PDB file of N, CA and C in Angstrom:
ATOM      1  N   MET A   1      36.246  67.131 -24.983  1.00  0.00           N
ATOM      2  CA  MET A   1      36.425  65.788 -24.447  1.00  0.00           C
ATOM      3  C   MET A   1      37.477  65.077 -25.306  1.00  0.00           C
ATOM      4  N   THR A   2      38.392  64.372 -24.661  1.00  0.00           N
ATOM      5  CA  THR A   2      39.425  63.670 -25.411  1.00  0.00           C
ATOM      6  C   THR A   2      38.863  62.395 -26.036  1.00  0.00           C
ATOM      7  N   THR A   3      39.507  61.938 -27.087  1.00  0.00           N
ATOM      8  CA  THR A   3      39.067  60.720 -27.765  1.00  0.00           C
ATOM      9  C   THR A   3      39.069  59.505 -26.832  1.00  0.00           C
ATOM     10  N   PRO A   4      40.137  59.259 -26.068  1.00  0.00           N
ATOM     11  CA  PRO A   4      40.095  58.089 -25.172  1.00  0.00           C
ATOM     12  C   PRO A   4      38.942  58.159 -24.168  1.00  0.00           C
ATOM     13  N   LEU A   5      38.688  59.341 -23.613  1.00  0.00           N
ATOM     14  CA  LEU A   5      37.593  59.474 -22.658  1.00  0.00           C
ATOM     15  C   LEU A   5      36.244  59.238 -23.336  1.00  0.00           C
ATOM     16  N   ALA A   6      36.069  59.785 -24.538  1.00  0.00           N
ATOM     17  CA  ALA A   6      34.818  59.561 -25.272  1.00  0.00           C
ATOM     18  C   ALA A   6      34.606  58.075 -25.533  1.00  0.00           C
ATOM     19  N   PHE A   7      35.657  57.375 -25.912  1.00  0.00           N
ATOM     20  CA  PHE A   7      35.546  55.937 -26.162  1.00  0.00           C
ATOM     21  C   PHE A   7      35.154  55.177 -24.889  1.00  0.00           C
ATOM     22  N   VAL A   8      35.790  55.481 -23.772  1.00  0.00           N
ATOM     23  CA  VAL A   8      35.510  54.761 -22.527  1.00  0.00           C
ATOM     24  C   VAL A   8      34.077  55.033 -22.063  1.00  0.00           C
ATOM     25  N   LEU A   9      33.672  56.296 -22.077  1.00  0.00           N
ATOM     26  CA  LEU A   9      32.307  56.620 -21.662  1.00  0.00           C
ATOM     27  C   LEU A   9      31.276  55.991 -22.597  1.00  0.00           C
ATOM     28  N   ALA A  10      31.552  56.037 -23.902  1.00  0.00           N
ATOM     29  CA  ALA A  10      30.632  55.423 -24.868  1.00  0.00           C
ATOM     30  C   ALA A  10      30.533  53.922 -24.647  1.00  0.00           C
ATOM     31  N   ALA A  11      31.652  53.294 -24.365  1.00  0.00           N
ATOM     32  CA  ALA A  11      31.645  51.846 -24.162  1.00  0.00           C
ATOM     33  C   ALA A  11      30.772  51.464 -22.974  1.00  0.00           C
ATOM     34  N   PHE A  12      30.941  52.150 -21.865  1.00  0.00           N
ATOM     35  CA  PHE A  12      30.136  51.792 -20.697  1.00  0.00           C
ATOM     36  C   PHE A  12      28.662  52.145 -20.895  1.00  0.00           C
ATOM     37  N   ALA A  13      28.384  53.211 -21.645  1.00  0.00           N
ATOM     38  CA  ALA A  13      26.983  53.537 -21.950  1.00  0.00           C
ATOM     39  C   ALA A  13      26.367  52.442 -22.824  1.00  0.00           C
ATOM     40  N   GLU A  14      27.098  51.985 -23.826  1.00  0.00           N
ATOM     41  CA  GLU A  14      26.570  50.936 -24.697  1.00  0.00           C
ATOM     42  C   GLU A  14      26.385  49.623 -23.937  1.00  0.00           C
ATOM     43  N   ILE A  15      27.377  49.260 -23.160  1.00  0.00           N
ATOM     44  CA  ILE A  15      27.291  48.003 -22.414  1.00  0.00           C
ATOM     45  C   ILE A  15      26.126  48.054 -21.431  1.00  0.00           C
ATOM     46  N   ALA A  16      25.959  49.171 -20.745  1.00  0.00           N
ATOM     47  CA  ALA A  16      24.845  49.298 -19.802  1.00  0.00           C
ATOM     48  C   ALA A  16      23.507  49.190 -20.535  1.00  0.00           C
ATOM     49  N   GLY A  17      23.398  49.824 -21.695  1.00  0.00           N
ATOM     50  CA  GLY A  17      22.158  49.743 -22.466  1.00  0.00           C
ATOM     51  C   GLY A  17      21.877  48.332 -22.952  1.00  0.00           C
ATOM     52  N   CYS A  18      22.879  47.685 -23.467  1.00  0.00           N
ATOM     53  CA  CYS A  18      22.707  46.308 -23.934  1.00  0.00           C
ATOM     54  C   CYS A  18      22.417  45.371 -22.767  1.00  0.00           C
ATOM     55  N   PHE A  19      23.066  45.614 -21.637  1.00  0.00           N
ATOM     56  CA  PHE A  19      22.835  44.767 -20.470  1.00  0.00           C
ATOM     57  C   PHE A  19      21.393  44.890 -19.983  1.00  0.00           C
ATOM     58  N   ALA A  20      20.807  46.074 -20.105  1.00  0.00           N
ATOM     59  CA  ALA A  20      19.409  46.252 -19.700  1.00  0.00           C
ATOM     60  C   ALA A  20      18.505  45.335 -20.526  1.00  0.00           C
ATOM     61  N   PHE A  21      18.756  45.280 -21.825  1.00  0.00           N
ATOM     62  CA  PHE A  21      17.967  44.383 -22.680  1.00  0.00           C
ATOM     63  C   PHE A  21      18.236  42.928 -22.334  1.00  0.00           C
ATOM     64  N   TRP A  22      19.495  42.591 -22.090  1.00  0.00           N
ATOM     65  CA  TRP A  22      19.863  41.233 -21.687  1.00  0.00           C
ATOM     66  C   TRP A  22      19.125  40.849 -20.409  1.00  0.00           C
ATOM     67  N   ALA A  23      19.088  41.779 -19.450  1.00  0.00           N
ATOM     68  CA  ALA A  23      18.440  41.498 -18.173  1.00  0.00           C
ATOM     69  C   ALA A  23      16.952  41.212 -18.358  1.00  0.00           C
ATOM     70  N   VAL A  24      16.306  41.937 -19.257  1.00  0.00           N
ATOM     71  CA  VAL A  24      14.870  41.730 -19.494  1.00  0.00           C
ATOM     72  C   VAL A  24      14.635  40.413 -20.221  1.00  0.00           C
ATOM     73  N   VAL A  25      15.346  40.209 -21.310  1.00  0.00           N
ATOM     74  CA  VAL A  25      15.089  39.044 -22.167  1.00  0.00           C
ATOM     75  C   VAL A  25      15.644  37.755 -21.577  1.00  0.00           C
ATOM     76  N   ARG A  26      16.857  37.802 -21.054  1.00  0.00           N
ATOM     77  CA  ARG A  26      17.511  36.575 -20.609  1.00  0.00           C
ATOM     78  C   ARG A  26      17.364  36.290 -19.117  1.00  0.00           C
ATOM     79  N   ASN A  27      17.222  37.351 -18.319  1.00  0.00           N
ATOM     80  CA  ASN A  27      17.180  37.161 -16.865  1.00  0.00           C
ATOM     81  C   ASN A  27      15.808  37.418 -16.264  1.00  0.00           C
ATOM     82  N   GLY A  28      14.849  37.770 -17.091  1.00  0.00           N
ATOM     83  CA  GLY A  28      13.493  37.974 -16.599  1.00  0.00           C
ATOM     84  C   GLY A  28      13.281  39.238 -15.783  1.00  0.00           C
ATOM     85  N   ALA A  29      14.139  40.244 -15.967  1.00  0.00           N
ATOM     86  CA  ALA A  29      13.974  41.506 -15.243  1.00  0.00           C
ATOM     87  C   ALA A  29      12.736  42.240 -15.753  1.00  0.00           C
ATOM     88  N   SER A  30      12.290  43.195 -14.979  1.00  0.00           N
ATOM     89  CA  SER A  30      11.131  44.005 -15.348  1.00  0.00           C
ATOM     90  C   SER A  30      11.402  44.771 -16.644  1.00  0.00           C
ATOM     91  N   ALA A  31      10.358  44.936 -17.441  1.00  0.00           N
ATOM     92  CA  ALA A  31      10.476  45.709 -18.682  1.00  0.00           C
ATOM     93  C   ALA A  31      10.843  47.163 -18.404  1.00  0.00           C
ATOM     94  N   LEU A  32      10.698  47.608 -17.180  1.00  0.00           N
ATOM     95  CA  LEU A  32      11.093  48.977 -16.826  1.00  0.00           C
ATOM     96  C   LEU A  32      12.595  49.211 -17.024  1.00  0.00           C
ATOM     97  N   TRP A  33      13.373  48.137 -17.039  1.00  0.00           N
ATOM     98  CA  TRP A  33      14.811  48.249 -17.313  1.00  0.00           C
ATOM     99  C   TRP A  33      15.071  48.796 -18.713  1.00  0.00           C
ATOM    100  N   LEU A  34      14.097  48.662 -19.613  1.00  0.00           N
ATOM    101  CA  LEU A  34      14.310  49.084 -20.996  1.00  0.00           C
ATOM    102  C   LEU A  34      14.425  50.599 -21.137  1.00  0.00           C
ATOM    103  N   ALA A  35      13.737  51.362 -20.316  1.00  0.00           N
ATOM    104  CA  ALA A  35      13.796  52.831 -20.412  1.00  0.00           C
ATOM    105  C   ALA A  35      15.220  53.356 -20.169  1.00  0.00           C
ATOM    106  N   PRO A  36      15.866  53.007 -19.054  1.00  0.00           N
ATOM    107  CA  PRO A  36      17.248  53.468 -18.904  1.00  0.00           C
ATOM    108  C   PRO A  36      18.187  52.816 -19.925  1.00  0.00           C
ATOM    109  N   GLY A  37      17.831  51.614 -20.384  1.00  0.00           N
ATOM    110  CA  GLY A  37      18.647  50.969 -21.414  1.00  0.00           C
ATOM    111  C   GLY A  37      18.653  51.765 -22.705  1.00  0.00           C
ATOM    112  N   VAL A  38      17.490  52.207 -23.134  1.00  0.00           N
ATOM    113  CA  VAL A  38      17.399  53.021 -24.352  1.00  0.00           C
ATOM    114  C   VAL A  38      18.119  54.353 -24.159  1.00  0.00           C
ATOM    115  N   ALA A  39      17.926  54.986 -23.009  1.00  0.00           N
ATOM    116  CA  ALA A  39      18.616  56.255 -22.729  1.00  0.00           C
ATOM    117  C   ALA A  39      20.129  56.066 -22.770  1.00  0.00           C
ATOM    118  N   SER A  40      20.587  54.958 -22.250  1.00  0.00           N
ATOM    119  CA  SER A  40      22.017  54.665 -22.244  1.00  0.00           C
ATOM    120  C   SER A  40      22.546  54.464 -23.664  1.00  0.00           C
ATOM    121  N   LEU A  41      21.767  53.803 -24.506  1.00  0.00           N
ATOM    122  CA  LEU A  41      22.188  53.606 -25.897  1.00  0.00           C
ATOM    123  C   LEU A  41      22.196  54.922 -26.673  1.00  0.00           C
ATOM    124  N   ILE A  42      21.285  55.816 -26.362  1.00  0.00           N
ATOM    125  CA  ILE A  42      21.310  57.152 -26.980  1.00  0.00           C
ATOM    126  C   ILE A  42      22.563  57.904 -26.539  1.00  0.00           C
ATOM    127  N   ALA A  43      22.883  57.817 -25.247  1.00  0.00           N
ATOM    128  CA  ALA A  43      24.099  58.460 -24.736  1.00  0.00           C
ATOM    129  C   ALA A  43      25.337  57.891 -25.429  1.00  0.00           C
ATOM    130  N   PHE A  44      25.346  56.584 -25.641  1.00  0.00           N
ATOM    131  CA  PHE A  44      26.466  55.935 -26.344  1.00  0.00           C
ATOM    132  C   PHE A  44      26.683  56.557 -27.724  1.00  0.00           C
ATOM    133  N   ALA A  45      25.615  56.677 -28.502  1.00  0.00           N
ATOM    134  CA  ALA A  45      25.738  57.236 -29.855  1.00  0.00           C
ATOM    135  C   ALA A  45      26.193  58.693 -29.803  1.00  0.00           C
ATOM    136  N   TRP A  46      25.667  59.449 -28.873  1.00  0.00           N
ATOM    137  CA  TRP A  46      26.041  60.855 -28.732  1.00  0.00           C
ATOM    138  C   TRP A  46      27.517  60.981 -28.344  1.00  0.00           C
ATOM    139  N   LEU A  47      27.972  60.153 -27.410  1.00  0.00           N
ATOM    140  CA  LEU A  47      29.365  60.219 -26.960  1.00  0.00           C
ATOM    141  C   LEU A  47      30.348  59.920 -28.085  1.00  0.00           C
ATOM    142  N   LEU A  48      29.980  59.043 -29.001  1.00  0.00           N
ATOM    143  CA  LEU A  48      30.891  58.748 -30.111  1.00  0.00           C
ATOM    144  C   LEU A  48      31.095  59.951 -31.026  1.00  0.00           C
ATOM    145  N   THR A  49      30.191  60.918 -30.990  1.00  0.00           N
ATOM    146  CA  THR A  49      30.377  62.106 -31.831  1.00  0.00           C
ATOM    147  C   THR A  49      31.528  62.975 -31.341  1.00  0.00           C
ATOM    148  N   PHE A  50      32.037  62.723 -30.148  1.00  0.00           N
ATOM    149  CA  PHE A  50      33.153  63.492 -29.604  1.00  0.00           C
ATOM    150  C   PHE A  50      34.516  62.928 -30.005  1.00  0.00           C
ATOM    151  N   VAL A  51      34.525  61.800 -30.690  1.00  0.00           N
ATOM    152  CA  VAL A  51      35.782  61.186 -31.102  1.00  0.00           C
ATOM    153  C   VAL A  51      36.411  62.026 -32.207  1.00  0.00           C
ATOM    154  N   ASP A  52      37.702  62.290 -32.048  1.00  0.00           N
ATOM    155  CA  ASP A  52      38.433  63.093 -33.027  1.00  0.00           C
ATOM    156  C   ASP A  52      38.865  62.202 -34.189  1.00  0.00           C
ATOM    157  N   ALA A  53      38.002  62.086 -35.176  1.00  0.00           N
ATOM    158  CA  ALA A  53      38.297  61.285 -36.368  1.00  0.00           C
ATOM    159  C   ALA A  53      37.669  61.983 -37.565  1.00  0.00           C
ATOM    160  N   GLN A  54      38.285  61.822 -38.720  1.00  0.00           N
ATOM    161  CA  GLN A  54      37.780  62.474 -39.923  1.00  0.00           C
ATOM    162  C   GLN A  54      36.546  61.783 -40.477  1.00  0.00           C
ATOM    163  N   ALA A  55      36.357  60.522 -40.135  1.00  0.00           N
ATOM    164  CA  ALA A  55      35.233  59.772 -40.691  1.00  0.00           C
ATOM    165  C   ALA A  55      34.595  58.928 -39.593  1.00  0.00           C
ATOM    166  N   ALA A  56      33.290  58.833 -39.641  1.00  0.00           N
ATOM    167  CA  ALA A  56      32.557  58.058 -38.637  1.00  0.00           C
ATOM    168  C   ALA A  56      32.998  56.596 -38.641  1.00  0.00           C
ATOM    169  N   GLY A  57      33.185  56.025 -39.814  1.00  0.00           N
ATOM    170  CA  GLY A  57      33.574  54.623 -39.905  1.00  0.00           C
ATOM    171  C   GLY A  57      34.878  54.334 -39.194  1.00  0.00           C
ATOM    172  N   ARG A  58      35.819  55.253 -39.284  1.00  0.00           N
ATOM    173  CA  ARG A  58      37.099  55.062 -38.595  1.00  0.00           C
ATOM    174  C   ARG A  58      36.887  55.134 -37.078  1.00  0.00           C
ATOM    175  N   ALA A  59      36.087  56.073 -36.639  1.00  0.00           N
ATOM    176  CA  ALA A  59      35.802  56.190 -35.206  1.00  0.00           C
ATOM    177  C   ALA A  59      35.114  54.928 -34.696  1.00  0.00           C
ATOM    178  N   PHE A  60      34.154  54.419 -35.465  1.00  0.00           N
ATOM    179  CA  PHE A  60      33.416  53.220 -35.047  1.00  0.00           C
ATOM    180  C   PHE A  60      34.326  51.995 -35.039  1.00  0.00           C
ATOM    181  N   ALA A  61      35.210  51.895 -36.017  1.00  0.00           N
ATOM    182  CA  ALA A  61      36.133  50.754 -36.077  1.00  0.00           C
ATOM    183  C   ALA A  61      37.064  50.759 -34.867  1.00  0.00           C
ATOM    184  N   ALA A  62      37.599  51.913 -34.554  1.00  0.00           N
ATOM    185  CA  ALA A  62      38.498  52.005 -33.408  1.00  0.00           C
ATOM    186  C   ALA A  62      37.750  51.754 -32.105  1.00  0.00           C
ATOM    187  N   TYR A  63      36.529  52.225 -32.040  1.00  0.00           N
ATOM    188  CA  TYR A  63      35.717  52.033 -30.847  1.00  0.00           C
ATOM    189  C   TYR A  63      35.525  50.543 -30.538  1.00  0.00           C
ATOM    190  N   GLY A  64      35.454  49.732 -31.556  1.00  0.00           N
ATOM    191  CA  GLY A  64      35.249  48.302 -31.351  1.00  0.00           C
ATOM    192  C   GLY A  64      36.280  47.687 -30.417  1.00  0.00           C
ATOM    193  N   GLY A  65      37.519  48.105 -30.538  1.00  0.00           N
ATOM    194  CA  GLY A  65      38.565  47.587 -29.662  1.00  0.00           C
ATOM    195  C   GLY A  65      38.373  48.010 -28.222  1.00  0.00           C
ATOM    196  N   VAL A  66      37.975  49.250 -28.038  1.00  0.00           N
ATOM    197  CA  VAL A  66      37.722  49.750 -26.689  1.00  0.00           C
ATOM    198  C   VAL A  66      36.518  49.024 -26.088  1.00  0.00           C
ATOM    199  N   TYR A  67      35.508  48.760 -26.910  1.00  0.00           N
ATOM    200  CA  TYR A  67      34.312  48.056 -26.450  1.00  0.00           C
ATOM    201  C   TYR A  67      34.667  46.670 -25.909  1.00  0.00           C
ATOM    202  N   VAL A  68      35.550  45.970 -26.581  1.00  0.00           N
ATOM    203  CA  VAL A  68      35.952  44.635 -26.123  1.00  0.00           C
ATOM    204  C   VAL A  68      36.588  44.724 -24.740  1.00  0.00           C
ATOM    205  N   ALA A  69      37.511  45.656 -24.556  1.00  0.00           N
ATOM    206  CA  ALA A  69      38.182  45.794 -23.267  1.00  0.00           C
ATOM    207  C   ALA A  69      37.193  46.210 -22.176  1.00  0.00           C
ATOM    208  N   ALA A  70      36.316  47.148 -22.487  1.00  0.00           N
ATOM    209  CA  ALA A  70      35.323  47.595 -21.503  1.00  0.00           C
ATOM    210  C   ALA A  70      34.352  46.468 -21.152  1.00  0.00           C
ATOM    211  N   SER A  71      34.024  45.642 -22.121  1.00  0.00           N
ATOM    212  CA  SER A  71      33.136  44.508 -21.859  1.00  0.00           C
ATOM    213  C   SER A  71      33.768  43.531 -20.883  1.00  0.00           C
ATOM    214  N   LEU A  72      35.067  43.345 -20.989  1.00  0.00           N
ATOM    215  CA  LEU A  72      35.759  42.465 -20.051  1.00  0.00           C
ATOM    216  C   LEU A  72      35.779  43.063 -18.645  1.00  0.00           C
ATOM    217  N   ALA A  73      35.914  44.376 -18.560  1.00  0.00           N
ATOM    218  CA  ALA A  73      35.844  45.033 -17.247  1.00  0.00           C
ATOM    219  C   ALA A  73      34.441  44.878 -16.662  1.00  0.00           C
ATOM    220  N   TRP A  74      33.415  45.020 -17.506  1.00  0.00           N
ATOM    221  CA  TRP A  74      32.023  44.836 -17.067  1.00  0.00           C
ATOM    222  C   TRP A  74      31.803  43.398 -16.585  1.00  0.00           C
ATOM    223  N   LEU A  75      32.341  42.450 -17.337  1.00  0.00           N
ATOM    224  CA  LEU A  75      32.230  41.041 -16.982  1.00  0.00           C
ATOM    225  C   LEU A  75      32.674  40.812 -15.546  1.00  0.00           C
ATOM    226  N   TRP A  76      33.774  41.441 -15.185  1.00  0.00           N
ATOM    227  CA  TRP A  76      34.340  41.253 -13.856  1.00  0.00           C
ATOM    228  C   TRP A  76      33.615  42.104 -12.810  1.00  0.00           C
ATOM    229  N   ALA A  77      33.458  43.397 -13.085  1.00  0.00           N
ATOM    230  CA  ALA A  77      32.923  44.331 -12.084  1.00  0.00           C
ATOM    231  C   ALA A  77      31.434  44.144 -11.822  1.00  0.00           C
ATOM    232  N   VAL A  78      30.664  43.880 -12.869  1.00  0.00           N
ATOM    233  CA  VAL A  78      29.207  43.824 -12.714  1.00  0.00           C
ATOM    234  C   VAL A  78      28.699  42.386 -12.620  1.00  0.00           C
ATOM    235  N   GLU A  79      29.218  41.524 -13.483  1.00  0.00           N
ATOM    236  CA  GLU A  79      28.703  40.153 -13.518  1.00  0.00           C
ATOM    237  C   GLU A  79      29.454  39.191 -12.613  1.00  0.00           C
ATOM    238  N   GLY A  80      30.601  39.630 -12.098  1.00  0.00           N
ATOM    239  CA  GLY A  80      31.323  38.815 -11.132  1.00  0.00           C
ATOM    240  C   GLY A  80      32.132  37.667 -11.715  1.00  0.00           C
ATOM    241  N   PHE A  81      32.404  37.697 -13.015  1.00  0.00           N
ATOM    242  CA  PHE A  81      33.237  36.675 -13.640  1.00  0.00           C
ATOM    243  C   PHE A  81      34.596  37.282 -13.955  1.00  0.00           C
ATOM    244  N   ARG A  82      35.631  36.713 -13.383  1.00  0.00           N
ATOM    245  CA  ARG A  82      36.980  37.239 -13.611  1.00  0.00           C
ATOM    246  C   ARG A  82      37.470  36.814 -14.992  1.00  0.00           C
ATOM    247  N   PRO A  83      37.899  37.776 -15.816  1.00  0.00           N
ATOM    248  CA  PRO A  83      38.441  37.421 -17.138  1.00  0.00           C
ATOM    249  C   PRO A  83      39.684  36.542 -16.991  1.00  0.00           C
ATOM    250  N   ASP A  84      39.823  35.565 -17.894  1.00  0.00           N
ATOM    251  CA  ASP A  84      41.013  34.717 -17.846  1.00  0.00           C
ATOM    252  C   ASP A  84      42.109  35.336 -18.722  1.00  0.00           C
ATOM    253  N   ARG A  85      43.242  34.670 -18.782  1.00  0.00           N
ATOM    254  CA  ARG A  85      44.371  35.259 -19.511  1.00  0.00           C
ATOM    255  C   ARG A  85      44.060  35.450 -20.983  1.00  0.00           C
ATOM    256  N   TRP A  86      43.246  34.586 -21.573  1.00  0.00           N
ATOM    257  CA  TRP A  86      42.911  34.733 -22.988  1.00  0.00           C
ATOM    258  C   TRP A  86      42.000  35.932 -23.218  1.00  0.00           C
ATOM    259  N   ASP A  87      41.105  36.178 -22.279  1.00  0.00           N
ATOM    260  CA  ASP A  87      40.285  37.388 -22.348  1.00  0.00           C
ATOM    261  C   ASP A  87      41.189  38.620 -22.317  1.00  0.00           C
ATOM    262  N   LEU A  88      42.134  38.623 -21.397  1.00  0.00           N
ATOM    263  CA  LEU A  88      43.011  39.782 -21.232  1.00  0.00           C
ATOM    264  C   LEU A  88      43.927  39.982 -22.433  1.00  0.00           C
ATOM    265  N   ILE A  89      44.483  38.905 -22.950  1.00  0.00           N
ATOM    266  CA  ILE A  89      45.336  39.014 -24.142  1.00  0.00           C
ATOM    267  C   ILE A  89      44.524  39.557 -25.310  1.00  0.00           C
ATOM    268  N   GLY A  90      43.331  39.018 -25.515  1.00  0.00           N
ATOM    269  CA  GLY A  90      42.474  39.499 -26.595  1.00  0.00           C
ATOM    270  C   GLY A  90      42.101  40.956 -26.422  1.00  0.00           C
ATOM    271  N   GLY A  91      41.809  41.363 -25.176  1.00  0.00           N
ATOM    272  CA  GLY A  91      41.482  42.759 -24.906  1.00  0.00           C
ATOM    273  C   GLY A  91      42.629  43.695 -25.239  1.00  0.00           C
ATOM    274  N   VAL A  92      43.840  43.304 -24.861  1.00  0.00           N
ATOM    275  CA  VAL A  92      45.017  44.127 -25.160  1.00  0.00           C
ATOM    276  C   VAL A  92      45.207  44.245 -26.677  1.00  0.00           C
ATOM    277  N   ILE A  93      45.072  43.154 -27.386  1.00  0.00           N
ATOM    278  CA  ILE A  93      45.208  43.181 -28.848  1.00  0.00           C
ATOM    279  C   ILE A  93      44.188  44.147 -29.451  1.00  0.00           C
ATOM    280  N   CYS A  94      42.960  44.097 -28.957  1.00  0.00           N
ATOM    281  CA  CYS A  94      41.902  44.971 -29.480  1.00  0.00           C
ATOM    282  C   CYS A  94      42.191  46.447 -29.210  1.00  0.00           C
ATOM    283  N   VAL A  95      42.667  46.752 -28.001  1.00  0.00           N
ATOM    284  CA  VAL A  95      42.974  48.142 -27.670  1.00  0.00           C
ATOM    285  C   VAL A  95      44.147  48.655 -28.501  1.00  0.00           C
ATOM    286  N   VAL A  96      45.155  47.821 -28.703  1.00  0.00           N
ATOM    287  CA  VAL A  96      46.279  48.217 -29.552  1.00  0.00           C
ATOM    288  C   VAL A  96      45.781  48.470 -30.983  1.00  0.00           C
ATOM    289  N   GLY A  97      44.925  47.606 -31.486  1.00  0.00           N
ATOM    290  CA  GLY A  97      44.354  47.806 -32.819  1.00  0.00           C
ATOM    291  C   GLY A  97      43.562  49.092 -32.904  1.00  0.00           C
ATOM    292  N   ALA A  98      42.788  49.393 -31.875  1.00  0.00           N
ATOM    293  CA  ALA A  98      42.017  50.634 -31.851  1.00  0.00           C
ATOM    294  C   ALA A  98      42.949  51.841 -31.885  1.00  0.00           C
ATOM    295  N   ALA A  99      44.037  51.783 -31.137  1.00  0.00           N
ATOM    296  CA  ALA A  99      44.989  52.893 -31.114  1.00  0.00           C
ATOM    297  C   ALA A  99      45.630  53.098 -32.485  1.00  0.00           C
ATOM    298  N   VAL A 100      45.930  52.021 -33.168  1.00  0.00           N
ATOM    299  CA  VAL A 100      46.501  52.130 -34.514  1.00  0.00           C
ATOM    300  C   VAL A 100      45.512  52.811 -35.463  1.00  0.00           C
ATOM    301  N   VAL A 101      44.254  52.411 -35.394  1.00  0.00           N
ATOM    302  CA  VAL A 101      43.243  53.012 -36.268  1.00  0.00           C
ATOM    303  C   VAL A 101      43.083  54.495 -35.994  1.00  0.00           C
ATOM    304  N   VAL A 102      43.017  54.889 -34.719  1.00  0.00           N
ATOM    305  CA  VAL A 102      42.763  56.286 -34.376  1.00  0.00           C
ATOM    306  C   VAL A 102      44.006  57.159 -34.539  1.00  0.00           C
ATOM    307  N   PHE A 103      45.132  56.680 -34.045  1.00  0.00           N
ATOM    308  CA  PHE A 103      46.312  57.538 -33.956  1.00  0.00           C
ATOM    309  C   PHE A 103      47.354  57.282 -35.047  1.00  0.00           C
ATOM    310  N   GLY A 104      47.106  56.325 -35.945  1.00  0.00           N
ATOM    311  CA  GLY A 104      48.058  56.042 -37.008  1.00  0.00           C
ATOM    312  C   GLY A 104      48.240  57.253 -37.913  1.00  0.00           C
ATOM    313  N   PRO A 105      49.462  57.435 -38.424  1.00  0.00           N
ATOM    314  CA  PRO A 105      49.706  58.605 -39.293  1.00  0.00           C
ATOM    315  C   PRO A 105      48.896  58.494 -40.599  1.00  0.00           C
ATOM    316  N   ARG A 106      48.347  59.583 -41.002  1.00  0.00           N
ATOM    317  CA  ARG A 106      47.572  59.641 -42.242  1.00  0.00           C
ATOM    318  C   ARG A 106      48.320  60.514 -43.243  1.00  0.00           C
ATOM    319  N   GLY A 107      48.332  60.075 -44.486  1.00  0.00           N
ATOM    320  CA  GLY A 107      49.093  60.789 -45.510  1.00  0.00           C
ATOM    321  C   GLY A 107      48.366  61.778 -46.269  1.00  0.00           C
TER     322      GLY A 107
END
């Protein structure tokens, strides 16, 4: 699995898992939402192990940028709120930062 694909899949797994908890606590959804939420969070952690990085901390740091961009996509696709220009600018900055962390030359 390629690093970009692992990051994207991990991001949506994490967001889905966190959203399940949000739905229960904040939106009054059934506690049954927690089971797929936990499974999704386990999938998120497993997917990050496919990232091609020498150290977990570097993989996690780079993932943060992808998570921001994926969260904005979730905001629009699932929650129905269209990101504004500041959301999009911030997302691009985060993804560029993630790319620098992952693909930057190492000495």
